[in-house]
N, C-alpha and C. Protein backbone atom coordinates (compact mmCIF):
# COMPACT_ATOMS: atom_id res chain seq x y z
N MET A 1 -10.95 16.18 -8.58
CA MET A 1 -11.25 14.78 -8.38
C MET A 1 -10.28 14.21 -7.35
N TRP A 2 -10.80 13.47 -6.39
CA TRP A 2 -9.96 12.82 -5.40
C TRP A 2 -9.56 11.46 -5.91
N VAL A 3 -8.34 11.04 -5.58
CA VAL A 3 -7.86 9.73 -6.01
C VAL A 3 -7.44 8.94 -4.79
N CYS A 4 -7.97 7.76 -4.66
CA CYS A 4 -7.57 6.84 -3.61
C CYS A 4 -7.45 5.48 -4.26
N GLU A 5 -6.26 4.92 -4.33
CA GLU A 5 -6.06 3.65 -5.02
C GLU A 5 -5.36 2.65 -4.09
N TRP A 6 -5.64 1.36 -4.31
CA TRP A 6 -5.04 0.30 -3.50
C TRP A 6 -4.84 -0.93 -4.38
N GLY A 7 -3.68 -1.55 -4.34
CA GLY A 7 -3.38 -2.70 -5.20
C GLY A 7 -4.01 -3.98 -4.69
N CYS A 8 -4.80 -4.64 -5.52
CA CYS A 8 -5.48 -5.88 -5.14
C CYS A 8 -4.51 -7.05 -5.03
N GLU A 9 -3.44 -7.03 -5.79
CA GLU A 9 -2.52 -8.17 -5.81
C GLU A 9 -1.95 -8.47 -4.43
N THR A 10 -1.66 -7.43 -3.67
CA THR A 10 -1.03 -7.61 -2.37
C THR A 10 -2.04 -7.92 -1.27
N PHE A 11 -3.20 -7.32 -1.32
CA PHE A 11 -4.11 -7.35 -0.19
C PHE A 11 -5.35 -8.21 -0.38
N GLY A 12 -5.46 -8.94 -1.45
CA GLY A 12 -6.60 -9.83 -1.64
C GLY A 12 -7.77 -9.13 -2.29
N CYS A 13 -8.01 -9.42 -3.54
CA CYS A 13 -9.02 -8.72 -4.33
C CYS A 13 -10.44 -8.74 -3.76
N PRO A 14 -11.00 -9.86 -3.34
CA PRO A 14 -12.40 -9.83 -2.91
C PRO A 14 -12.68 -8.84 -1.78
N VAL A 15 -11.81 -8.77 -0.82
CA VAL A 15 -12.01 -7.87 0.32
C VAL A 15 -11.96 -6.42 -0.12
N PHE A 16 -10.98 -6.08 -0.92
CA PHE A 16 -10.82 -4.69 -1.32
C PHE A 16 -11.79 -4.28 -2.41
N ARG A 17 -12.24 -5.22 -3.23
CA ARG A 17 -13.30 -4.88 -4.18
C ARG A 17 -14.59 -4.56 -3.44
N ARG A 18 -14.86 -5.31 -2.38
CA ARG A 18 -16.05 -5.03 -1.57
C ARG A 18 -15.92 -3.67 -0.89
N LEU A 19 -14.75 -3.38 -0.35
CA LEU A 19 -14.50 -2.07 0.27
C LEU A 19 -14.66 -0.95 -0.75
N GLN A 20 -14.12 -1.15 -1.93
CA GLN A 20 -14.23 -0.16 -3.00
C GLN A 20 -15.70 0.10 -3.33
N HIS A 21 -16.47 -0.97 -3.47
CA HIS A 21 -17.90 -0.83 -3.77
C HIS A 21 -18.63 -0.12 -2.63
N GLN A 22 -18.30 -0.45 -1.38
CA GLN A 22 -18.94 0.19 -0.23
C GLN A 22 -18.63 1.68 -0.19
N LEU A 23 -17.40 2.05 -0.51
CA LEU A 23 -17.03 3.47 -0.54
C LEU A 23 -17.81 4.21 -1.62
N VAL A 24 -17.89 3.62 -2.80
CA VAL A 24 -18.62 4.25 -3.90
C VAL A 24 -20.09 4.45 -3.51
N GLU A 25 -20.71 3.43 -2.92
CA GLU A 25 -22.11 3.51 -2.53
C GLU A 25 -22.33 4.53 -1.41
N ALA A 26 -21.42 4.57 -0.43
CA ALA A 26 -21.56 5.52 0.68
C ALA A 26 -21.46 6.96 0.18
N ILE A 27 -20.52 7.22 -0.70
CA ILE A 27 -20.37 8.58 -1.25
C ILE A 27 -21.60 8.95 -2.07
N LYS A 28 -22.12 7.97 -2.82
CA LYS A 28 -23.30 8.23 -3.63
C LYS A 28 -24.52 8.53 -2.76
N GLN A 29 -24.69 7.80 -1.67
CA GLN A 29 -25.83 8.02 -0.79
C GLN A 29 -25.72 9.30 0.01
N ILE A 30 -24.54 9.58 0.53
CA ILE A 30 -24.36 10.74 1.41
C ILE A 30 -24.27 12.05 0.63
N LEU A 31 -23.49 12.05 -0.44
CA LEU A 31 -23.23 13.29 -1.16
C LEU A 31 -23.98 13.40 -2.49
N ALA A 32 -24.66 12.34 -2.89
CA ALA A 32 -25.36 12.29 -4.17
C ALA A 32 -24.41 12.55 -5.33
N LEU A 33 -23.22 11.95 -5.25
CA LEU A 33 -22.22 12.07 -6.31
C LEU A 33 -21.80 10.67 -6.76
N ARG A 34 -21.60 10.52 -8.06
CA ARG A 34 -21.04 9.27 -8.56
C ARG A 34 -19.54 9.48 -8.70
N VAL A 35 -18.77 8.60 -8.08
CA VAL A 35 -17.32 8.73 -8.11
C VAL A 35 -16.70 7.40 -8.49
N THR A 36 -15.45 7.47 -8.92
CA THR A 36 -14.65 6.28 -9.17
C THR A 36 -13.63 6.18 -8.06
N VAL A 37 -13.57 5.04 -7.40
CA VAL A 37 -12.62 4.83 -6.31
C VAL A 37 -11.60 3.78 -6.75
N ASN A 38 -10.34 4.15 -6.74
CA ASN A 38 -9.25 3.23 -7.03
C ASN A 38 -8.36 3.16 -5.80
N LEU A 39 -8.25 2.00 -5.19
CA LEU A 39 -7.46 1.84 -3.98
C LEU A 39 -6.01 1.54 -4.32
N VAL A 40 -5.07 2.21 -3.65
CA VAL A 40 -3.63 1.95 -3.83
C VAL A 40 -2.99 1.73 -2.47
N GLU A 41 -1.77 1.26 -2.48
CA GLU A 41 -1.06 0.99 -1.23
C GLU A 41 -0.75 2.29 -0.50
N PRO A 42 -0.68 2.21 0.84
CA PRO A 42 -0.36 3.41 1.63
C PRO A 42 0.99 4.01 1.24
N GLN A 43 1.10 5.31 1.40
CA GLN A 43 2.34 6.07 1.17
C GLN A 43 2.75 6.11 -0.30
N THR A 44 1.83 5.85 -1.24
CA THR A 44 2.19 5.88 -2.66
C THR A 44 1.72 7.15 -3.37
N LEU A 45 0.83 7.92 -2.75
CA LEU A 45 0.36 9.16 -3.37
C LEU A 45 1.29 10.30 -2.99
N LYS A 46 1.58 11.16 -3.98
CA LYS A 46 2.46 12.30 -3.72
C LYS A 46 1.77 13.29 -2.79
N ARG A 47 2.55 13.89 -1.94
CA ARG A 47 2.05 14.91 -1.04
C ARG A 47 1.91 16.22 -1.80
N SER A 48 0.91 17.01 -1.42
CA SER A 48 0.70 18.29 -2.07
C SER A 48 1.91 19.19 -1.84
N GLU A 49 2.39 19.82 -2.89
CA GLU A 49 3.57 20.67 -2.77
C GLU A 49 3.22 22.15 -2.69
N GLY A 50 1.97 22.47 -2.94
CA GLY A 50 1.56 23.87 -2.93
C GLY A 50 1.27 24.37 -1.52
N LYS A 51 1.35 25.67 -1.35
CA LYS A 51 1.05 26.27 -0.07
C LYS A 51 -0.45 26.51 0.04
N ALA A 52 -1.00 26.30 1.22
CA ALA A 52 -2.44 26.51 1.43
C ALA A 52 -2.79 27.98 1.21
N LYS A 53 -3.91 28.20 0.56
CA LYS A 53 -4.36 29.57 0.30
C LYS A 53 -5.57 29.85 1.17
N ARG A 54 -5.52 30.94 1.88
CA ARG A 54 -6.62 31.32 2.74
C ARG A 54 -7.60 32.21 1.96
N VAL A 55 -8.86 32.01 2.20
CA VAL A 55 -9.89 32.80 1.55
C VAL A 55 -10.57 33.65 2.61
N ILE A 56 -10.60 34.95 2.37
CA ILE A 56 -11.24 35.86 3.31
C ILE A 56 -12.52 36.36 2.66
N ASP A 57 -13.64 36.20 3.37
CA ASP A 57 -14.94 36.62 2.87
C ASP A 57 -15.15 38.09 3.22
N ASN A 58 -15.03 38.96 2.22
CA ASN A 58 -15.17 40.40 2.43
C ASN A 58 -16.57 40.89 2.11
N ARG A 59 -17.51 39.97 1.89
CA ARG A 59 -18.88 40.40 1.57
C ARG A 59 -19.54 41.01 2.80
N THR A 60 -20.38 42.00 2.55
CA THR A 60 -21.15 42.58 3.65
C THR A 60 -22.48 41.84 3.77
N THR A 61 -22.95 41.66 4.97
CA THR A 61 -24.19 40.93 5.18
C THR A 61 -25.38 41.84 5.22
């Protein structure tokens, strides 16, 4: 699950609630997925600490 959150107190609730709704609707229309979007202030999400894993497709065609 992806998490994207933004605090309404700082940035004005009506604008960001509309943005949140638009994001939910766009994801639903494009990907046919229902998601929950929570907006948070920039630089508040922890960076991934794991190393990227490469996947090699060894299947024969």
